[in-house]
Amino acid sequence: MTMLSGRRFPAPWQAVELEDAYCIQDVNGFPVAYVYFADDLQQRAGTDRMSRSEARRMAVRIAALPELRQALRKQSAQT
Protein backbone atom coordinates (compact mmCIF):
# COMPACT_ATOMS: atom_id res chain seq x y z
CA MET A 1 0.00 0.00 0.00
CA THR A 2 1.34 3.39 -0.96
CA MET A 3 1.36 5.94 1.82
CA LEU A 4 0.15 9.31 0.59
CA SER A 5 1.05 12.27 2.81
CA GLY A 6 2.02 9.87 5.60
CA ARG A 7 -1.62 8.89 6.16
CA ARG A 8 -2.60 5.36 6.93
CA PHE A 9 -5.98 5.65 5.15
CA PRO A 10 -5.36 8.20 2.38
CA ALA A 11 -8.18 10.37 1.09
CA PRO A 12 -10.44 10.58 -0.73
CA TRP A 13 -12.73 8.05 0.87
CA GLN A 14 -15.83 6.69 -0.83
CA ALA A 15 -18.95 4.83 0.29
CA VAL A 16 -19.57 1.67 -1.74
CA GLU A 17 -22.96 -0.04 -1.46
CA LEU A 18 -22.89 -3.79 -0.78
CA GLU A 19 -25.79 -6.21 -0.33
CA ASP A 20 -26.45 -5.34 3.32
CA ALA A 21 -23.94 -2.61 4.12
CA TYR A 22 -22.01 0.39 2.91
CA CYS A 23 -18.26 -0.03 2.89
CA ILE A 24 -16.22 3.13 3.33
CA GLN A 25 -12.96 2.70 1.41
CA ASP A 26 -9.83 4.79 1.20
CA VAL A 27 -8.28 5.83 -2.14
CA ASN A 28 -6.59 2.42 -2.43
CA GLY A 29 -9.84 0.50 -1.93
CA PHE A 30 -8.92 -0.52 1.63
CA PRO A 31 -12.03 -0.83 3.84
CA VAL A 32 -12.03 1.76 6.61
CA ALA A 33 -15.52 1.09 8.03
CA TYR A 34 -18.79 -0.71 7.37
CA VAL A 35 -22.29 0.66 8.01
CA TYR A 36 -24.87 -2.13 8.03
CA PHE A 37 -28.53 -1.82 7.09
CA ALA A 38 -31.63 -3.95 6.63
CA ASP A 39 -34.47 -3.25 4.21
CA ASP A 40 -37.08 -5.31 6.05
CA LEU A 41 -38.69 -3.59 9.05
CA GLN A 42 -38.87 -6.81 11.09
CA GLN A 43 -35.23 -7.62 10.35
CA ARG A 44 -34.21 -4.09 11.41
CA ALA A 45 -36.11 -4.48 14.69
CA GLY A 46 -34.45 -7.82 15.42
CA THR A 47 -30.91 -6.69 14.58
CA ASP A 48 -31.02 -2.98 15.49
CA ARG A 49 -29.80 -2.11 11.99
CA MET A 50 -30.51 1.15 10.23
CA SER A 51 -32.64 1.55 7.14
CA ARG A 52 -30.80 1.72 3.81
CA SER A 53 -31.29 5.50 3.59
CA GLU A 54 -30.09 6.08 7.16
CA ALA A 55 -27.01 3.91 6.54
CA ARG A 56 -26.30 5.74 3.29
CA ARG A 57 -26.39 9.13 5.01
CA MET A 58 -24.08 7.85 7.76
CA ALA A 59 -21.65 6.28 5.25
CA VAL A 60 -21.50 9.48 3.17
CA ARG A 61 -20.72 11.50 6.30
CA ILE A 62 -17.99 9.09 7.36
CA ALA A 63 -16.51 9.19 3.84
CA ALA A 64 -16.36 13.00 4.08
CA LEU A 65 -14.29 12.99 7.30
CA PRO A 66 -10.84 13.39 5.66
CA GLU A 67 -12.01 16.50 3.79
CA LEU A 68 -13.68 17.88 6.92
CA ARG A 69 -10.50 17.36 8.91
CA GLN A 70 -8.46 19.17 6.25
CA ALA A 71 -10.91 22.08 6.17
CA LEU A 72 -10.79 22.40 9.97
CA ARG A 73 -6.98 22.45 9.88
CA LYS A 74 -7.02 25.25 7.29
CA GLN A 75 -9.55 27.20 9.32
CA SER A 76 -7.55 26.92 12.54
CA ALA A 77 -4.34 27.91 10.71
CA GLN A 78 -6.01 31.14 9.53
CA THR A 79 -6.99 32.22 13.04
PDB file of N, CA and C in Angstrom:
ATOM      1  N   MET A   1       0.836  -1.177   0.000  1.00  0.00           N
ATOM      2  CA  MET A   1       0.000   0.000   0.000  1.00  0.00           C
ATOM      3  C   MET A   1       0.881   1.239   0.000  1.00  0.00           C
ATOM      4  N   THR A   2       0.590   2.147  -0.861  1.00  0.00           N
ATOM      5  CA  THR A   2       1.340   3.388  -0.956  1.00  0.00           C
ATOM      6  C   THR A   2       0.829   4.364   0.088  1.00  0.00           C
ATOM      7  N   MET A   3       1.739   4.962   0.805  1.00  0.00           N
ATOM      8  CA  MET A   3       1.356   5.935   1.816  1.00  0.00           C
ATOM      9  C   MET A   3       1.381   7.323   1.181  1.00  0.00           C
ATOM     10  N   LEU A   4       0.249   7.962   1.107  1.00  0.00           N
ATOM     11  CA  LEU A   4       0.155   9.313   0.594  1.00  0.00           C
ATOM     12  C   LEU A   4       0.112  10.278   1.765  1.00  0.00           C
ATOM     13  N   SER A   5       0.984  11.249   1.773  1.00  0.00           N
ATOM     14  CA  SER A   5       1.046  12.273   2.811  1.00  0.00           C
ATOM     15  C   SER A   5       1.213  11.669   4.197  1.00  0.00           C
ATOM     16  N   GLY A   6       1.805  10.485   4.302  1.00  0.00           N
ATOM     17  CA  GLY A   6       2.019   9.866   5.597  1.00  0.00           C
ATOM     18  C   GLY A   6       0.760   9.364   6.269  1.00  0.00           C
ATOM     19  N   ARG A   7      -0.356   9.323   5.578  1.00  0.00           N
ATOM     20  CA  ARG A   7      -1.619   8.890   6.159  1.00  0.00           C
ATOM     21  C   ARG A   7      -1.788   7.391   5.999  1.00  0.00           C
ATOM     22  N   ARG A   8      -2.374   6.791   6.986  1.00  0.00           N
ATOM     23  CA  ARG A   8      -2.605   5.356   6.928  1.00  0.00           C
ATOM     24  C   ARG A   8      -3.774   5.020   6.007  1.00  0.00           C
ATOM     25  N   PHE A   9      -4.803   5.841   6.003  1.00  0.00           N
ATOM     26  CA  PHE A   9      -5.975   5.651   5.151  1.00  0.00           C
ATOM     27  C   PHE A   9      -6.136   6.889   4.276  1.00  0.00           C
ATOM     28  N   PRO A  10      -5.388   6.960   3.173  1.00  0.00           N
ATOM     29  CA  PRO A  10      -5.362   8.195   2.381  1.00  0.00           C
ATOM     30  C   PRO A  10      -6.719   8.543   1.760  1.00  0.00           C
ATOM     31  N   ALA A  11      -6.965   9.836   1.714  1.00  0.00           N
ATOM     32  CA  ALA A  11      -8.180  10.370   1.089  1.00  0.00           C
ATOM     33  C   ALA A  11      -8.004  10.370  -0.423  1.00  0.00           C
ATOM     34  N   PRO A  12      -9.052  10.479  -1.176  1.00  0.00           N
ATOM     35  CA  PRO A  12     -10.436  10.582  -0.728  1.00  0.00           C
ATOM     36  C   PRO A  12     -11.015   9.218  -0.370  1.00  0.00           C
ATOM     37  N   TRP A  13     -12.002   9.250   0.515  1.00  0.00           N
ATOM     38  CA  TRP A  13     -12.733   8.050   0.873  1.00  0.00           C
ATOM     39  C   TRP A  13     -14.030   8.013   0.077  1.00  0.00           C
ATOM     40  N   GLN A  14     -14.553   6.817  -0.132  1.00  0.00           N
ATOM     41  CA  GLN A  14     -15.829   6.688  -0.828  1.00  0.00           C
ATOM     42  C   GLN A  14     -16.685   5.637  -0.139  1.00  0.00           C
ATOM     43  N   ALA A  15     -17.993   5.787  -0.248  1.00  0.00           N
ATOM     44  CA  ALA A  15     -18.948   4.828   0.293  1.00  0.00           C
ATOM     45  C   ALA A  15     -19.425   3.941  -0.849  1.00  0.00           C
ATOM     46  N   VAL A  16     -19.197   2.644  -0.712  1.00  0.00           N
ATOM     47  CA  VAL A  16     -19.570   1.671  -1.740  1.00  0.00           C
ATOM     48  C   VAL A  16     -20.703   0.815  -1.190  1.00  0.00           C
ATOM     49  N   GLU A  17     -21.813   0.749  -1.923  1.00  0.00           N
ATOM     50  CA  GLU A  17     -22.956  -0.037  -1.458  1.00  0.00           C
ATOM     51  C   GLU A  17     -22.731  -1.525  -1.725  1.00  0.00           C
ATOM     52  N   LEU A  18     -22.940  -2.326  -0.680  1.00  0.00           N
ATOM     53  CA  LEU A  18     -22.892  -3.786  -0.777  1.00  0.00           C
ATOM     54  C   LEU A  18     -24.315  -4.316  -0.582  1.00  0.00           C
ATOM     55  N   GLU A  19     -24.459  -5.615  -0.468  1.00  0.00           N
ATOM     56  CA  GLU A  19     -25.792  -6.212  -0.332  1.00  0.00           C
ATOM     57  C   GLU A  19     -26.514  -5.765   0.936  1.00  0.00           C
ATOM     58  N   ASP A  20     -25.807  -5.715   2.059  1.00  0.00           N
ATOM     59  CA  ASP A  20     -26.453  -5.344   3.319  1.00  0.00           C
ATOM     60  C   ASP A  20     -25.653  -4.322   4.120  1.00  0.00           C
ATOM     61  N   ALA A  21     -24.770  -3.596   3.435  1.00  0.00           N
ATOM     62  CA  ALA A  21     -23.938  -2.612   4.125  1.00  0.00           C
ATOM     63  C   ALA A  21     -23.342  -1.635   3.130  1.00  0.00           C
ATOM     64  N   TYR A  22     -22.852  -0.527   3.676  1.00  0.00           N
ATOM     65  CA  TYR A  22     -22.011   0.387   2.909  1.00  0.00           C
ATOM     66  C   TYR A  22     -20.597   0.210   3.438  1.00  0.00           C
ATOM     67  N   CYS A  23     -19.663   0.089   2.523  1.00  0.00           N
ATOM     68  CA  CYS A  23     -18.257  -0.033   2.894  1.00  0.00           C
ATOM     69  C   CYS A  23     -17.578   1.290   2.563  1.00  0.00           C
ATOM     70  N   ILE A  24     -16.971   1.900   3.557  1.00  0.00           N
ATOM     71  CA  ILE A  24     -16.221   3.129   3.331  1.00  0.00           C
ATOM     72  C   ILE A  24     -14.784   2.710   3.040  1.00  0.00           C
ATOM     73  N   GLN A  25     -14.292   3.108   1.870  1.00  0.00           N
ATOM     74  CA  GLN A  25     -12.962   2.697   1.413  1.00  0.00           C
ATOM     75  C   GLN A  25     -12.070   3.920   1.216  1.00  0.00           C
ATOM     76  N   ASP A  26     -10.771   3.718   1.480  1.00  0.00           N
ATOM     77  CA  ASP A  26      -9.828   4.793   1.199  1.00  0.00           C
ATOM     78  C   ASP A  26      -9.504   4.798  -0.298  1.00  0.00           C
ATOM     79  N   VAL A  27      -8.605   5.664  -0.721  1.00  0.00           N
ATOM     80  CA  VAL A  27      -8.285   5.826  -2.139  1.00  0.00           C
ATOM     81  C   VAL A  27      -7.734   4.543  -2.763  1.00  0.00           C
ATOM     82  N   ASN A  28      -7.143   3.670  -1.927  1.00  0.00           N
ATOM     83  CA  ASN A  28      -6.588   2.418  -2.434  1.00  0.00           C
ATOM     84  C   ASN A  28      -7.590   1.271  -2.415  1.00  0.00           C
ATOM     85  N   GLY A  29      -8.821   1.545  -1.999  1.00  0.00           N
ATOM     86  CA  GLY A  29      -9.839   0.505  -1.925  1.00  0.00           C
ATOM     87  C   GLY A  29      -9.813  -0.282  -0.627  1.00  0.00           C
ATOM     88  N   PHE A  30      -8.997   0.162   0.344  1.00  0.00           N
ATOM     89  CA  PHE A  30      -8.920  -0.522   1.632  1.00  0.00           C
ATOM     90  C   PHE A  30     -10.141  -0.161   2.468  1.00  0.00           C
ATOM     91  N   PRO A  31     -10.842  -1.143   3.037  1.00  0.00           N
ATOM     92  CA  PRO A  31     -12.030  -0.833   3.844  1.00  0.00           C
ATOM     93  C   PRO A  31     -11.667  -0.155   5.164  1.00  0.00           C
ATOM     94  N   VAL A  32     -12.258   0.990   5.397  1.00  0.00           N
ATOM     95  CA  VAL A  32     -12.027   1.762   6.611  1.00  0.00           C
ATOM     96  C   VAL A  32     -13.137   1.483   7.630  1.00  0.00           C
ATOM     97  N   ALA A  33     -14.375   1.323   7.147  1.00  0.00           N
ATOM     98  CA  ALA A  33     -15.521   1.085   8.031  1.00  0.00           C
ATOM     99  C   ALA A  33     -16.661   0.462   7.230  1.00  0.00           C
ATOM    100  N   TYR A  34     -17.569  -0.165   7.957  1.00  0.00           N
ATOM    101  CA  TYR A  34     -18.790  -0.706   7.368  1.00  0.00           C
ATOM    102  C   TYR A  34     -19.972  -0.133   8.138  1.00  0.00           C
ATOM    103  N   VAL A  35     -21.043   0.211   7.414  1.00  0.00           N
ATOM    104  CA  VAL A  35     -22.288   0.660   8.012  1.00  0.00           C
ATOM    105  C   VAL A  35     -23.364  -0.290   7.505  1.00  0.00           C
ATOM    106  N   TYR A  36     -23.918  -1.087   8.403  1.00  0.00           N
ATOM    107  CA  TYR A  36     -24.874  -2.128   8.025  1.00  0.00           C
ATOM    108  C   TYR A  36     -26.294  -1.608   8.039  1.00  0.00           C
ATOM    109  N   PHE A  37     -27.124  -2.178   7.171  1.00  0.00           N
ATOM    110  CA  PHE A  37     -28.533  -1.817   7.093  1.00  0.00           C
ATOM    111  C   PHE A  37     -29.369  -3.059   6.811  1.00  0.00           C
ATOM    112  N   ALA A  38     -30.671  -2.900   6.979  1.00  0.00           N
ATOM    113  CA  ALA A  38     -31.631  -3.949   6.628  1.00  0.00           C
ATOM    114  C   ALA A  38     -32.833  -3.269   5.995  1.00  0.00           C
ATOM    115  N   ASP A  39     -33.313  -3.830   4.900  1.00  0.00           N
ATOM    116  CA  ASP A  39     -34.466  -3.253   4.213  1.00  0.00           C
ATOM    117  C   ASP A  39     -35.784  -3.629   4.884  1.00  0.00           C
ATOM    118  N   ASP A  40     -35.860  -4.808   5.440  1.00  0.00           N
ATOM    119  CA  ASP A  40     -37.080  -5.311   6.048  1.00  0.00           C
ATOM    120  C   ASP A  40     -37.244  -4.751   7.462  1.00  0.00           C
ATOM    121  N   LEU A  41     -38.418  -4.207   7.758  1.00  0.00           N
ATOM    122  CA  LEU A  41     -38.687  -3.590   9.052  1.00  0.00           C
ATOM    123  C   LEU A  41     -38.521  -4.587  10.192  1.00  0.00           C
ATOM    124  N   GLN A  42     -39.000  -5.801  10.026  1.00  0.00           N
ATOM    125  CA  GLN A  42     -38.867  -6.812  11.086  1.00  0.00           C
ATOM    126  C   GLN A  42     -37.404  -7.194  11.304  1.00  0.00           C
ATOM    127  N   GLN A  43     -36.651  -7.294  10.222  1.00  0.00           N
ATOM    128  CA  GLN A  43     -35.228  -7.617  10.349  1.00  0.00           C
ATOM    129  C   GLN A  43     -34.492  -6.487  11.060  1.00  0.00           C
ATOM    130  N   ARG A  44     -34.844  -5.241  10.744  1.00  0.00           N
ATOM    131  CA  ARG A  44     -34.215  -4.093  11.412  1.00  0.00           C
ATOM    132  C   ARG A  44     -34.495  -4.124  12.902  1.00  0.00           C
ATOM    133  N   ALA A  45     -35.737  -4.450  13.274  1.00  0.00           N
ATOM    134  CA  ALA A  45     -36.106  -4.482  14.688  1.00  0.00           C
ATOM    135  C   ALA A  45     -35.335  -5.571  15.428  1.00  0.00           C
ATOM    136  N   GLY A  46     -35.135  -6.704  14.782  1.00  0.00           N
ATOM    137  CA  GLY A  46     -34.446  -7.816  15.419  1.00  0.00           C
ATOM    138  C   GLY A  46     -32.941  -7.663  15.491  1.00  0.00           C
ATOM    139  N   THR A  47     -32.369  -6.837  14.632  1.00  0.00           N
ATOM    140  CA  THR A  47     -30.910  -6.688  14.582  1.00  0.00           C
ATOM    141  C   THR A  47     -30.434  -5.291  14.946  1.00  0.00           C
ATOM    142  N   ASP A  48     -31.354  -4.376  15.188  1.00  0.00           N
ATOM    143  CA  ASP A  48     -31.021  -2.975  15.490  1.00  0.00           C
ATOM    144  C   ASP A  48     -30.221  -2.322  14.366  1.00  0.00           C
ATOM    145  N   ARG A  49     -30.472  -2.742  13.131  1.00  0.00           N
ATOM    146  CA  ARG A  49     -29.795  -2.112  11.985  1.00  0.00           C
ATOM    147  C   ARG A  49     -30.584  -0.906  11.498  1.00  0.00           C
ATOM    148  N   MET A  50     -29.889  -0.031  10.812  1.00  0.00           N
ATOM    149  CA  MET A  50     -30.509   1.151  10.225  1.00  0.00           C
ATOM    150  C   MET A  50     -31.225   0.783   8.938  1.00  0.00           C
ATOM    151  N   SER A  51     -32.055   1.711   8.472  1.00  0.00           N
ATOM    152  CA  SER A  51     -32.637   1.546   7.143  1.00  0.00           C
ATOM    153  C   SER A  51     -31.539   1.826   6.118  1.00  0.00           C
ATOM    154  N   ARG A  52     -31.787   1.474   4.871  1.00  0.00           N
ATOM    155  CA  ARG A  52     -30.804   1.717   3.811  1.00  0.00           C
ATOM    156  C   ARG A  52     -30.500   3.213   3.689  1.00  0.00           C
ATOM    157  N   SER A  53     -31.524   4.053   3.748  1.00  0.00           N
ATOM    158  CA  SER A  53     -31.293   5.496   3.591  1.00  0.00           C
ATOM    159  C   SER A  53     -30.535   6.073   4.786  1.00  0.00           C
ATOM    160  N   GLU A  54     -30.834   5.614   5.996  1.00  0.00           N
ATOM    161  CA  GLU A  54     -30.085   6.078   7.165  1.00  0.00           C
ATOM    162  C   GLU A  54     -28.621   5.658   7.069  1.00  0.00           C
ATOM    163  N   ALA A  55     -28.389   4.414   6.666  1.00  0.00           N
ATOM    164  CA  ALA A  55     -27.014   3.909   6.541  1.00  0.00           C
ATOM    165  C   ALA A  55     -26.260   4.666   5.455  1.00  0.00           C
ATOM    166  N   ARG A  56     -26.943   4.986   4.365  1.00  0.00           N
ATOM    167  CA  ARG A  56     -26.297   5.739   3.287  1.00  0.00           C
ATOM    168  C   ARG A  56     -25.858   7.113   3.776  1.00  0.00           C
ATOM    169  N   ARG A  57     -26.736   7.798   4.492  1.00  0.00           N
ATOM    170  CA  ARG A  57     -26.386   9.126   5.011  1.00  0.00           C
ATOM    171  C   ARG A  57     -25.186   9.034   5.960  1.00  0.00           C
ATOM    172  N   MET A  58     -25.189   8.031   6.822  1.00  0.00           N
ATOM    173  CA  MET A  58     -24.077   7.851   7.761  1.00  0.00           C
ATOM    174  C   MET A  58     -22.779   7.550   7.010  1.00  0.00           C
ATOM    175  N   ALA A  59     -22.842   6.657   6.016  1.00  0.00           N
ATOM    176  CA  ALA A  59     -21.652   6.281   5.247  1.00  0.00           C
ATOM    177  C   ALA A  59     -21.081   7.481   4.487  1.00  0.00           C
ATOM    178  N   VAL A  60     -21.954   8.283   3.901  1.00  0.00           N
ATOM    179  CA  VAL A  60     -21.496   9.476   3.170  1.00  0.00           C
ATOM    180  C   VAL A  60     -20.809  10.452   4.120  1.00  0.00           C
ATOM    181  N   ARG A  61     -21.341  10.588   5.320  1.00  0.00           N
ATOM    182  CA  ARG A  61     -20.722  11.496   6.302  1.00  0.00           C
ATOM    183  C   ARG A  61     -19.368  10.971   6.761  1.00  0.00           C
ATOM    184  N   ILE A  62     -19.275   9.675   6.968  1.00  0.00           N
ATOM    185  CA  ILE A  62     -17.988   9.094   7.355  1.00  0.00           C
ATOM    186  C   ILE A  62     -16.975   9.280   6.228  1.00  0.00           C
ATOM    187  N   ALA A  63     -17.407   9.055   4.997  1.00  0.00           N
ATOM    188  CA  ALA A  63     -16.507   9.193   3.844  1.00  0.00           C
ATOM    189  C   ALA A  63     -16.003  10.628   3.694  1.00  0.00           C
ATOM    190  N   ALA A  64     -16.755  11.588   4.194  1.00  0.00           N
ATOM    191  CA  ALA A  64     -16.359  12.998   4.081  1.00  0.00           C
ATOM    192  C   ALA A  64     -15.403  13.436   5.190  1.00  0.00           C
ATOM    193  N   LEU A  65     -15.125  12.593   6.168  1.00  0.00           N
ATOM    194  CA  LEU A  65     -14.292  12.988   7.302  1.00  0.00           C
ATOM    195  C   LEU A  65     -12.897  13.489   6.921  1.00  0.00           C
ATOM    196  N   PRO A  66     -12.174  12.860   5.990  1.00  0.00           N
ATOM    197  CA  PRO A  66     -10.843  13.393   5.660  1.00  0.00           C
ATOM    198  C   PRO A  66     -10.889  14.833   5.137  1.00  0.00           C
ATOM    199  N   GLU A  67     -11.887  15.143   4.318  1.00  0.00           N
ATOM    200  CA  GLU A  67     -12.012  16.495   3.788  1.00  0.00           C
ATOM    201  C   GLU A  67     -12.406  17.471   4.888  1.00  0.00           C
ATOM    202  N   LEU A  68     -13.277  17.037   5.803  1.00  0.00           N
ATOM    203  CA  LEU A  68     -13.680  17.884   6.916  1.00  0.00           C
ATOM    204  C   LEU A  68     -12.479  18.185   7.809  1.00  0.00           C
ATOM    205  N   ARG A  69     -11.691  17.176   8.081  1.00  0.00           N
ATOM    206  CA  ARG A  69     -10.498  17.362   8.915  1.00  0.00           C
ATOM    207  C   ARG A  69      -9.534  18.359   8.272  1.00  0.00           C
ATOM    208  N   GLN A  70      -9.346  18.251   6.966  1.00  0.00           N
ATOM    209  CA  GLN A  70      -8.457  19.166   6.253  1.00  0.00           C
ATOM    210  C   GLN A  70      -9.000  20.595   6.312  1.00  0.00           C
ATOM    211  N   ALA A  71     -10.305  20.750   6.127  1.00  0.00           N
ATOM    212  CA  ALA A  71     -10.906  22.084   6.175  1.00  0.00           C
ATOM    213  C   ALA A  71     -10.764  22.701   7.561  1.00  0.00           C
ATOM    214  N   LEU A  72     -10.933  21.887   8.605  1.00  0.00           N
ATOM    215  CA  LEU A  72     -10.787  22.397   9.968  1.00  0.00           C
ATOM    216  C   LEU A  72      -9.353  22.823  10.253  1.00  0.00           C
ATOM    217  N   ARG A  73      -8.391  22.074   9.713  1.00  0.00           N
ATOM    218  CA  ARG A  73      -6.979  22.453   9.883  1.00  0.00           C
ATOM    219  C   ARG A  73      -6.706  23.801   9.223  1.00  0.00           C
ATOM    220  N   LYS A  74      -7.221  23.978   8.009  1.00  0.00           N
ATOM    221  CA  LYS A  74      -7.015  25.247   7.292  1.00  0.00           C
ATOM    222  C   LYS A  74      -7.654  26.392   8.058  1.00  0.00           C
ATOM    223  N   GLN A  75      -8.840  26.170   8.587  1.00  0.00           N
ATOM    224  CA  GLN A  75      -9.552  27.200   9.319  1.00  0.00           C
ATOM    225  C   GLN A  75      -8.780  27.589  10.576  1.00  0.00           C
ATOM    226  N   SER A  76      -8.275  26.610  11.312  1.00  0.00           N
ATOM    227  CA  SER A  76      -7.548  26.923  12.542  1.00  0.00           C
ATOM    228  C   SER A  76      -6.203  27.585  12.233  1.00  0.00           C
ATOM    229  N   ALA A  77      -5.610  27.296  11.086  1.00  0.00           N
ATOM    230  CA  ALA A  77      -4.343  27.913  10.707  1.00  0.00           C
ATOM    231  C   ALA A  77      -4.536  29.398  10.358  1.00  0.00           C
ATOM    232  N   GLN A  78      -5.728  29.758   9.905  1.00  0.00           N
ATOM    233  CA  GLN A  78      -6.009  31.139   9.527  1.00  0.00           C
ATOM    234  C   GLN A  78      -6.297  32.017  10.736  1.00  0.00           C
ATOM    235  N   THR A  79      -6.629  31.406  11.853  1.00  0.00           N
ATOM    236  CA  THR A  79      -6.991  32.224  13.037  1.00  0.00           C
ATOM    237  C   THR A  79      -5.824  32.434  13.947  1.00  0.00           C
TER     238      THR A  79
END
